[in-house]
Structure formats: C-alpha cells, structure tokens
All heavy atoms as atom14 arrays in JSON, in Angstrom:
{
  "sequence": "AVRKLEEELGVTLFERGHGEVTLTPAGEALLRQARRVLDE",
  "atom14_mask": [
    [1, 1, 1, 1, 1, 0, 0, 0, 0, 0, 0, 0, 0, 0],
    [1, 1, 1, 1, 1, 1, 1, 0, 0, 0, 0, 0, 0, 0],
    [1, 1, 1, 1, 1, 1, 1, 1, 1, 1, 1, 0, 0, 0],
    [1, 1, 1, 1, 1, 1, 1, 1, 1, 0, 0, 0, 0, 0],
    [1, 1, 1, 1, 1, 1, 1, 1, 0, 0, 0, 0, 0, 0],
    [1, 1, 1, 1, 1, 1, 1, 1, 1, 0, 0, 0, 0, 0],
    [1, 1, 1, 1, 1, 1, 1, 1, 1, 0, 0, 0, 0, 0],
    [1, 1, 1, 1, 1, 1, 1, 1, 1, 0, 0, 0, 0, 0],
    [1, 1, 1, 1, 1, 1, 1, 1, 0, 0, 0, 0, 0, 0],
    [1, 1, 1, 1, 0, 0, 0, 0, 0, 0, 0, 0, 0, 0],
    [1, 1, 1, 1, 1, 1, 1, 0, 0, 0, 0, 0, 0, 0],
    [1, 1, 1, 1, 1, 1, 1, 0, 0, 0, 0, 0, 0, 0],
    [1, 1, 1, 1, 1, 1, 1, 1, 0, 0, 0, 0, 0, 0],
    [1, 1, 1, 1, 1, 1, 1, 1, 1, 1, 1, 0, 0, 0],
    [1, 1, 1, 1, 1, 1, 1, 1, 1, 0, 0, 0, 0, 0],
    [1, 1, 1, 1, 1, 1, 1, 1, 1, 1, 1, 0, 0, 0],
    [1, 1, 1, 1, 0, 0, 0, 0, 0, 0, 0, 0, 0, 0],
    [1, 1, 1, 1, 1, 1, 1, 1, 1, 1, 0, 0, 0, 0],
    [1, 1, 1, 1, 0, 0, 0, 0, 0, 0, 0, 0, 0, 0],
    [1, 1, 1, 1, 1, 1, 1, 1, 1, 0, 0, 0, 0, 0],
    [1, 1, 1, 1, 1, 1, 1, 0, 0, 0, 0, 0, 0, 0],
    [1, 1, 1, 1, 1, 1, 1, 0, 0, 0, 0, 0, 0, 0],
    [1, 1, 1, 1, 1, 1, 1, 1, 0, 0, 0, 0, 0, 0],
    [1, 1, 1, 1, 1, 1, 1, 0, 0, 0, 0, 0, 0, 0],
    [1, 1, 1, 1, 1, 1, 1, 0, 0, 0, 0, 0, 0, 0],
    [1, 1, 1, 1, 1, 0, 0, 0, 0, 0, 0, 0, 0, 0],
    [1, 1, 1, 1, 0, 0, 0, 0, 0, 0, 0, 0, 0, 0],
    [1, 1, 1, 1, 1, 1, 1, 1, 1, 0, 0, 0, 0, 0],
    [1, 1, 1, 1, 1, 0, 0, 0, 0, 0, 0, 0, 0, 0],
    [1, 1, 1, 1, 1, 1, 1, 1, 0, 0, 0, 0, 0, 0],
    [1, 1, 1, 1, 1, 1, 1, 1, 0, 0, 0, 0, 0, 0],
    [1, 1, 1, 1, 1, 1, 1, 1, 1, 1, 1, 0, 0, 0],
    [1, 1, 1, 1, 1, 1, 1, 1, 1, 0, 0, 0, 0, 0],
    [1, 1, 1, 1, 1, 0, 0, 0, 0, 0, 0, 0, 0, 0],
    [1, 1, 1, 1, 1, 1, 1, 1, 1, 1, 1, 0, 0, 0],
    [1, 1, 1, 1, 1, 1, 1, 1, 1, 1, 1, 0, 0, 0],
    [1, 1, 1, 1, 1, 1, 1, 0, 0, 0, 0, 0, 0, 0],
    [1, 1, 1, 1, 1, 1, 1, 1, 0, 0, 0, 0, 0, 0],
    [1, 1, 1, 1, 1, 1, 1, 1, 0, 0, 0, 0, 0, 0],
    [1, 1, 1, 1, 1, 1, 1, 1, 1, 0, 0, 0, 0, 0]
  ],
  "atom14_positions": [
    [[87.59, 100.08, 143.54], [88.05, 100.26, 142.1], [88.34, 98.83, 141.51], [87.94, 98.55, 140.42], [89.18, 101.22, 141.94], [0.0, 0.0, 0.0], [0.0, 0.0, 0.0], [0.0, 0.0, 0.0], [0.0, 0.0, 0.0], [0.0, 0.0, 0.0], [0.0, 0.0, 0.0], [0.0, 0.0, 0.0], [0.0, 0.0, 0.0], [0.0, 0.0, 0.0]],
    [[89.03, 98.1, 142.17], [89.44, 96.73, 141.76], [88.25, 95.87, 141.54], [87.97, 95.09, 140.6], [90.43, 96.05, 142.61], [90.68, 94.59, 142.21], [91.82, 96.89, 142.59], [0.0, 0.0, 0.0], [0.0, 0.0, 0.0], [0.0, 0.0, 0.0], [0.0, 0.0, 0.0], [0.0, 0.0, 0.0], [0.0, 0.0, 0.0], [0.0, 0.0, 0.0]],
    [[87.3, 95.91, 142.55], [86.09, 95.18, 142.46], [85.22, 95.53, 141.27], [84.6, 94.74, 140.64], [85.35, 95.34, 143.83], [84.03, 94.62, 143.89], [84.18, 93.02, 143.89], [84.78, 92.6, 144.95], [85.13, 91.37, 145.27], [84.91, 90.47, 144.21], [85.71, 90.89, 146.35], [0.0, 0.0, 0.0], [0.0, 0.0, 0.0], [0.0, 0.0, 0.0]],
    [[85.09, 96.89, 141.01], [84.41, 97.38, 139.95], [84.92, 96.88, 138.67], [84.17, 96.45, 137.76], [84.48, 98.98, 139.99], [83.76, 99.64, 138.82], [83.73, 101.17, 138.94], [83.13, 101.84, 137.75], [83.94, 101.68, 136.59], [0.0, 0.0, 0.0], [0.0, 0.0, 0.0], [0.0, 0.0, 0.0], [0.0, 0.0, 0.0], [0.0, 0.0, 0.0]],
    [[86.32, 96.81, 138.52], [86.91, 96.33, 137.32], [86.46, 94.76, 137.11], [86.24, 94.43, 136.01], [88.42, 96.43, 137.43], [89.21, 95.92, 136.26], [88.93, 96.63, 134.98], [90.82, 96.05, 136.57], [0.0, 0.0, 0.0], [0.0, 0.0, 0.0], [0.0, 0.0, 0.0], [0.0, 0.0, 0.0], [0.0, 0.0, 0.0], [0.0, 0.0, 0.0]],
    [[86.63, 94.07, 138.19], [86.27, 92.62, 138.13], [84.86, 92.48, 137.58], [84.54, 91.52, 136.95], [86.52, 91.97, 139.5], [88.02, 91.8, 139.76], [88.19, 91.19, 141.21], [87.42, 91.55, 142.08], [89.05, 90.34, 141.39], [0.0, 0.0, 0.0], [0.0, 0.0, 0.0], [0.0, 0.0, 0.0], [0.0, 0.0, 0.0], [0.0, 0.0, 0.0]],
    [[83.92, 93.32, 138.2], [82.51, 93.16, 137.76], [82.36, 93.52, 136.26], [81.52, 92.9, 135.63], [81.68, 94.1, 138.66], [81.61, 93.66, 140.03], [80.96, 94.61, 140.98], [80.54, 95.76, 140.42], [80.62, 94.3, 142.2], [0.0, 0.0, 0.0], [0.0, 0.0, 0.0], [0.0, 0.0, 0.0], [0.0, 0.0, 0.0], [0.0, 0.0, 0.0]],
    [[83.1, 94.53, 135.82], [82.93, 94.96, 134.44], [83.38, 93.85, 133.52], [82.88, 93.62, 132.45], [83.63, 96.22, 134.21], [83.46, 96.84, 132.8], [83.86, 98.28, 132.66], [84.15, 98.82, 133.65], [83.95, 98.7, 131.48], [0.0, 0.0, 0.0], [0.0, 0.0, 0.0], [0.0, 0.0, 0.0], [0.0, 0.0, 0.0], [0.0, 0.0, 0.0]],
    [[84.6, 93.17, 133.94], [85.16, 92.2, 133.13], [84.47, 90.89, 133.18], [84.56, 89.95, 132.37], [86.67, 92.02, 133.48], [87.58, 93.1, 133.16], [88.93, 92.89, 133.76], [87.73, 93.35, 131.58], [0.0, 0.0, 0.0], [0.0, 0.0, 0.0], [0.0, 0.0, 0.0], [0.0, 0.0, 0.0], [0.0, 0.0, 0.0], [0.0, 0.0, 0.0]],
    [[83.73, 90.78, 134.36], [83.02, 89.38, 134.57], [83.89, 88.37, 135.01], [83.47, 87.2, 134.87], [0.0, 0.0, 0.0], [0.0, 0.0, 0.0], [0.0, 0.0, 0.0], [0.0, 0.0, 0.0], [0.0, 0.0, 0.0], [0.0, 0.0, 0.0], [0.0, 0.0, 0.0], [0.0, 0.0, 0.0], [0.0, 0.0, 0.0], [0.0, 0.0, 0.0]],
    [[85.07, 88.51, 135.57], [86.0, 87.63, 136.05], [86.57, 88.09, 137.41], [86.56, 89.22, 137.64], [87.25, 87.27, 135.12], [86.67, 86.77, 133.82], [88.01, 88.56, 134.87], [0.0, 0.0, 0.0], [0.0, 0.0, 0.0], [0.0, 0.0, 0.0], [0.0, 0.0, 0.0], [0.0, 0.0, 0.0], [0.0, 0.0, 0.0], [0.0, 0.0, 0.0]],
    [[86.95, 87.07, 138.18], [87.7, 87.33, 139.48], [89.24, 87.38, 139.12], [89.85, 86.43, 138.66], [87.47, 86.31, 140.55], [86.05, 86.29, 140.75], [88.18, 86.58, 141.74], [0.0, 0.0, 0.0], [0.0, 0.0, 0.0], [0.0, 0.0, 0.0], [0.0, 0.0, 0.0], [0.0, 0.0, 0.0], [0.0, 0.0, 0.0], [0.0, 0.0, 0.0]],
    [[89.85, 88.5, 139.48], [91.21, 88.75, 139.16], [92.05, 88.06, 140.23], [93.22, 87.69, 140.0], [91.55, 90.23, 138.92], [90.82, 90.86, 137.66], [91.15, 92.37, 137.69], [91.24, 90.24, 136.48], [0.0, 0.0, 0.0], [0.0, 0.0, 0.0], [0.0, 0.0, 0.0], [0.0, 0.0, 0.0], [0.0, 0.0, 0.0], [0.0, 0.0, 0.0]],
    [[91.76, 88.27, 141.48], [92.52, 87.95, 142.74], [91.78, 87.03, 143.65], [90.58, 87.1, 143.75], [92.85, 89.29, 143.41], [93.6, 90.23, 142.57], [92.89, 91.4, 142.14], [94.89, 90.16, 142.3], [93.57, 92.42, 141.4], [95.63, 91.11, 141.56], [94.82, 92.23, 141.14], [0.0, 0.0, 0.0], [0.0, 0.0, 0.0], [0.0, 0.0, 0.0]],
    [[92.55, 86.1, 144.22], [92.15, 85.29, 145.33], [92.59, 86.2, 146.64], [93.78, 86.33, 146.83], [92.77, 83.97, 145.29], [92.24, 83.12, 144.19], [92.84, 81.68, 144.32], [93.39, 81.4, 145.25], [92.72, 80.98, 143.21], [0.0, 0.0, 0.0], [0.0, 0.0, 0.0], [0.0, 0.0, 0.0], [0.0, 0.0, 0.0], [0.0, 0.0, 0.0]],
    [[91.61, 86.61, 147.5], [91.93, 87.29, 148.53], [92.07, 86.48, 149.85], [91.06, 85.89, 150.22], [90.82, 88.38, 148.73], [90.72, 89.41, 147.62], [89.34, 90.03, 147.49], [89.34, 91.18, 146.5], [89.15, 90.93, 145.28], [89.07, 89.8, 144.73], [89.0, 92.08, 144.49], [0.0, 0.0, 0.0], [0.0, 0.0, 0.0], [0.0, 0.0, 0.0]],
    [[93.28, 86.41, 150.46], [93.5, 85.71, 151.58], [93.7, 86.56, 152.72], [93.74, 87.77, 152.64], [0.0, 0.0, 0.0], [0.0, 0.0, 0.0], [0.0, 0.0, 0.0], [0.0, 0.0, 0.0], [0.0, 0.0, 0.0], [0.0, 0.0, 0.0], [0.0, 0.0, 0.0], [0.0, 0.0, 0.0], [0.0, 0.0, 0.0], [0.0, 0.0, 0.0]],
    [[93.99, 86.08, 153.93], [94.19, 86.94, 155.11], [95.52, 87.63, 155.02], [95.63, 88.8, 155.37], [94.11, 86.05, 156.4], [92.8, 85.55, 156.72], [91.73, 86.43, 157.05], [92.24, 84.31, 156.62], [90.65, 85.71, 157.19], [90.94, 84.44, 156.97], [0.0, 0.0, 0.0], [0.0, 0.0, 0.0], [0.0, 0.0, 0.0], [0.0, 0.0, 0.0]],
    [[96.56, 86.99, 154.5], [97.88, 87.56, 154.55], [98.38, 88.08, 153.15], [99.25, 88.87, 153.07], [0.0, 0.0, 0.0], [0.0, 0.0, 0.0], [0.0, 0.0, 0.0], [0.0, 0.0, 0.0], [0.0, 0.0, 0.0], [0.0, 0.0, 0.0], [0.0, 0.0, 0.0], [0.0, 0.0, 0.0], [0.0, 0.0, 0.0], [0.0, 0.0, 0.0]],
    [[97.95, 87.38, 152.1], [98.43, 87.68, 150.86], [97.27, 87.55, 149.71], [96.3, 86.84, 149.94], [99.57, 86.71, 150.46], [100.38, 87.06, 149.22], [101.53, 86.08, 148.99], [101.35, 85.1, 148.4], [102.67, 86.49, 149.38], [0.0, 0.0, 0.0], [0.0, 0.0, 0.0], [0.0, 0.0, 0.0], [0.0, 0.0, 0.0], [0.0, 0.0, 0.0]],
    [[97.56, 88.28, 148.64], [96.6, 88.27, 147.59], [97.35, 87.52, 146.34], [98.5, 87.79, 146.07], [96.23, 89.63, 147.12], [95.39, 89.65, 145.82], [95.5, 90.36, 148.17], [0.0, 0.0, 0.0], [0.0, 0.0, 0.0], [0.0, 0.0, 0.0], [0.0, 0.0, 0.0], [0.0, 0.0, 0.0], [0.0, 0.0, 0.0], [0.0, 0.0, 0.0]],
    [[96.66, 86.6, 145.71], [97.27, 85.92, 144.57], [96.38, 86.12, 143.39], [95.24, 86.34, 143.48], [97.44, 84.37, 144.88], [96.1, 83.92, 145.2], [98.32, 84.12, 146.15], [0.0, 0.0, 0.0], [0.0, 0.0, 0.0], [0.0, 0.0, 0.0], [0.0, 0.0, 0.0], [0.0, 0.0, 0.0], [0.0, 0.0, 0.0], [0.0, 0.0, 0.0]],
    [[97.01, 86.05, 142.2], [96.22, 86.09, 140.89], [95.55, 84.87, 140.53], [96.09, 83.78, 140.76], [97.22, 86.62, 139.85], [97.63, 88.07, 139.79], [98.79, 88.24, 138.82], [96.38, 88.89, 139.23], [0.0, 0.0, 0.0], [0.0, 0.0, 0.0], [0.0, 0.0, 0.0], [0.0, 0.0, 0.0], [0.0, 0.0, 0.0], [0.0, 0.0, 0.0]],
    [[94.3, 84.93, 140.04], [93.71, 83.75, 139.41], [94.25, 83.52, 138.08], [94.97, 84.41, 137.58], [92.27, 84.08, 139.32], [91.96, 85.11, 138.4], [91.67, 84.41, 140.71], [0.0, 0.0, 0.0], [0.0, 0.0, 0.0], [0.0, 0.0, 0.0], [0.0, 0.0, 0.0], [0.0, 0.0, 0.0], [0.0, 0.0, 0.0], [0.0, 0.0, 0.0]],
    [[94.07, 82.34, 137.59], [94.63, 82.18, 136.08], [94.08, 83.26, 135.13], [94.74, 83.74, 134.25], [94.05, 80.74, 135.81], [93.96, 80.06, 137.17], [93.43, 81.15, 138.03], [0.0, 0.0, 0.0], [0.0, 0.0, 0.0], [0.0, 0.0, 0.0], [0.0, 0.0, 0.0], [0.0, 0.0, 0.0], [0.0, 0.0, 0.0], [0.0, 0.0, 0.0]],
    [[92.84, 83.61, 135.32], [92.33, 84.61, 134.41], [92.94, 85.91, 134.74], [93.27, 86.74, 133.82], [90.75, 84.76, 134.61], [0.0, 0.0, 0.0], [0.0, 0.0, 0.0], [0.0, 0.0, 0.0], [0.0, 0.0, 0.0], [0.0, 0.0, 0.0], [0.0, 0.0, 0.0], [0.0, 0.0, 0.0], [0.0, 0.0, 0.0], [0.0, 0.0, 0.0]],
    [[93.2, 86.18, 135.99], [93.9, 87.43, 136.39], [95.26, 87.49, 135.77], [95.68, 88.61, 135.36], [0.0, 0.0, 0.0], [0.0, 0.0, 0.0], [0.0, 0.0, 0.0], [0.0, 0.0, 0.0], [0.0, 0.0, 0.0], [0.0, 0.0, 0.0], [0.0, 0.0, 0.0], [0.0, 0.0, 0.0], [0.0, 0.0, 0.0], [0.0, 0.0, 0.0]],
    [[95.96, 86.39, 135.75], [97.33, 86.44, 135.23], [97.22, 86.88, 133.6], [98.11, 87.83, 133.26], [97.92, 84.97, 135.21], [98.32, 84.47, 136.53], [99.58, 84.96, 137.09], [100.24, 85.67, 136.32], [100.12, 84.58, 138.05], [0.0, 0.0, 0.0], [0.0, 0.0, 0.0], [0.0, 0.0, 0.0], [0.0, 0.0, 0.0], [0.0, 0.0, 0.0]],
    [[96.28, 86.27, 132.97], [96.28, 86.7, 131.5], [95.79, 88.12, 131.35], [96.36, 88.87, 130.54], [95.32, 85.66, 130.78], [0.0, 0.0, 0.0], [0.0, 0.0, 0.0], [0.0, 0.0, 0.0], [0.0, 0.0, 0.0], [0.0, 0.0, 0.0], [0.0, 0.0, 0.0], [0.0, 0.0, 0.0], [0.0, 0.0, 0.0], [0.0, 0.0, 0.0]],
    [[94.81, 88.43, 132.05], [94.31, 89.8, 131.88], [95.3, 90.94, 132.36], [95.36, 92.02, 131.8], [92.91, 89.96, 132.62], [91.78, 89.13, 132.05], [90.6, 89.18, 132.98], [91.44, 89.73, 130.64], [0.0, 0.0, 0.0], [0.0, 0.0, 0.0], [0.0, 0.0, 0.0], [0.0, 0.0, 0.0], [0.0, 0.0, 0.0], [0.0, 0.0, 0.0]],
    [[96.02, 90.63, 133.52], [96.91, 91.59, 133.95], [98.13, 91.82, 132.95], [98.84, 92.83, 132.92], [97.43, 91.24, 135.37], [96.59, 91.96, 136.49], [96.91, 93.56, 136.38], [95.1, 91.76, 136.49], [0.0, 0.0, 0.0], [0.0, 0.0, 0.0], [0.0, 0.0, 0.0], [0.0, 0.0, 0.0], [0.0, 0.0, 0.0], [0.0, 0.0, 0.0]],
    [[98.48, 90.74, 132.32], [99.58, 90.81, 131.32], [99.17, 91.87, 130.24], [99.84, 92.71, 129.77], [99.95, 89.54, 130.69], [100.92, 88.67, 131.52], [101.38, 87.46, 130.67], [100.41, 86.61, 130.19], [99.93, 85.5, 130.78], [100.42, 85.26, 131.99], [99.06, 84.74, 130.18], [0.0, 0.0, 0.0], [0.0, 0.0, 0.0], [0.0, 0.0, 0.0]],
    [[97.91, 91.75, 129.79], [97.44, 92.64, 128.78], [97.24, 94.09, 129.36], [97.51, 95.07, 128.68], [96.02, 92.21, 128.3], [95.42, 93.07, 127.1], [96.28, 93.09, 125.88], [96.97, 92.14, 125.62], [96.36, 94.21, 125.26], [0.0, 0.0, 0.0], [0.0, 0.0, 0.0], [0.0, 0.0, 0.0], [0.0, 0.0, 0.0], [0.0, 0.0, 0.0]],
    [[96.82, 94.15, 130.63], [96.7, 95.47, 131.21], [98.05, 96.21, 131.4], [98.1, 97.39, 131.14], [96.11, 95.3, 132.66], [0.0, 0.0, 0.0], [0.0, 0.0, 0.0], [0.0, 0.0, 0.0], [0.0, 0.0, 0.0], [0.0, 0.0, 0.0], [0.0, 0.0, 0.0], [0.0, 0.0, 0.0], [0.0, 0.0, 0.0], [0.0, 0.0, 0.0]],
    [[99.18, 95.35, 131.61], [100.46, 96.05, 131.64], [100.87, 96.58, 130.27], [101.51, 97.64, 130.15], [101.53, 95.06, 132.16], [101.26, 94.74, 133.71], [102.37, 93.83, 134.18], [102.16, 93.36, 135.46], [101.63, 92.05, 135.72], [101.44, 91.2, 134.74], [101.38, 91.56, 136.96], [0.0, 0.0, 0.0], [0.0, 0.0, 0.0], [0.0, 0.0, 0.0]],
    [[100.5, 95.86, 129.21], [100.83, 96.24, 127.87], [100.05, 97.61, 127.55], [100.58, 98.53, 127.0], [100.45, 95.2, 126.8], [101.51, 93.98, 126.81], [101.31, 93.2, 125.57], [100.12, 92.36, 125.65], [100.13, 91.07, 126.18], [101.28, 90.62, 126.56], [99.0, 90.44, 126.12], [0.0, 0.0, 0.0], [0.0, 0.0, 0.0], [0.0, 0.0, 0.0]],
    [[98.76, 97.56, 127.99], [97.97, 98.77, 127.75], [98.58, 99.96, 128.5], [98.83, 101.13, 127.92], [96.59, 98.62, 128.3], [95.79, 99.95, 128.28], [95.86, 97.62, 127.31], [0.0, 0.0, 0.0], [0.0, 0.0, 0.0], [0.0, 0.0, 0.0], [0.0, 0.0, 0.0], [0.0, 0.0, 0.0], [0.0, 0.0, 0.0], [0.0, 0.0, 0.0]],
    [[99.09, 99.75, 129.78], [99.62, 100.86, 130.53], [100.89, 101.34, 129.98], [101.3, 102.48, 129.99], [99.79, 100.49, 131.99], [98.4, 100.19, 132.7], [98.71, 99.56, 134.17], [97.64, 101.54, 132.86], [0.0, 0.0, 0.0], [0.0, 0.0, 0.0], [0.0, 0.0, 0.0], [0.0, 0.0, 0.0], [0.0, 0.0, 0.0], [0.0, 0.0, 0.0]],
    [[101.7, 100.31, 129.37], [103.03, 100.74, 128.87], [102.82, 101.58, 127.66], [103.51, 102.54, 127.36], [103.77, 99.38, 128.36], [104.34, 98.73, 129.58], [104.42, 99.36, 130.69], [104.7, 97.52, 129.49], [0.0, 0.0, 0.0], [0.0, 0.0, 0.0], [0.0, 0.0, 0.0], [0.0, 0.0, 0.0], [0.0, 0.0, 0.0], [0.0, 0.0, 0.0]],
    [[101.78, 101.25, 126.86], [101.45, 101.98, 125.65], [100.95, 103.47, 125.98], [101.34, 104.41, 125.29], [100.4, 101.3, 124.78], [100.9, 100.0, 124.02], [102.11, 100.44, 123.04], [101.94, 101.41, 122.51], [102.94, 99.57, 123.05], [0.0, 0.0, 0.0], [0.0, 0.0, 0.0], [0.0, 0.0, 0.0], [0.0, 0.0, 0.0], [0.0, 0.0, 0.0]]
  ]
}
C-alpha cells in the first residue's frame, strides 16, 4: 500500500534501511499534509 502511494505521488516517501525507516525531505512535507487530511 505504501509503495502504491509513492508511485501515485511520484515521490519516495521513505528511505528503507535494515534497522530503521526514515522520511525523505519530500516525505516530511507530504506526511504533514497527510496528517492534516486524516485529522479532518
């Protein structure tokens, strides 16, 4: 589901490592908006 979302948005949201996942700069901005959408 997350990969499908990234493909639809055309950006990579997360950097996937072996032990931890971090947000990309684009992911930081888009996830802030996503949280606002979910709050509404």
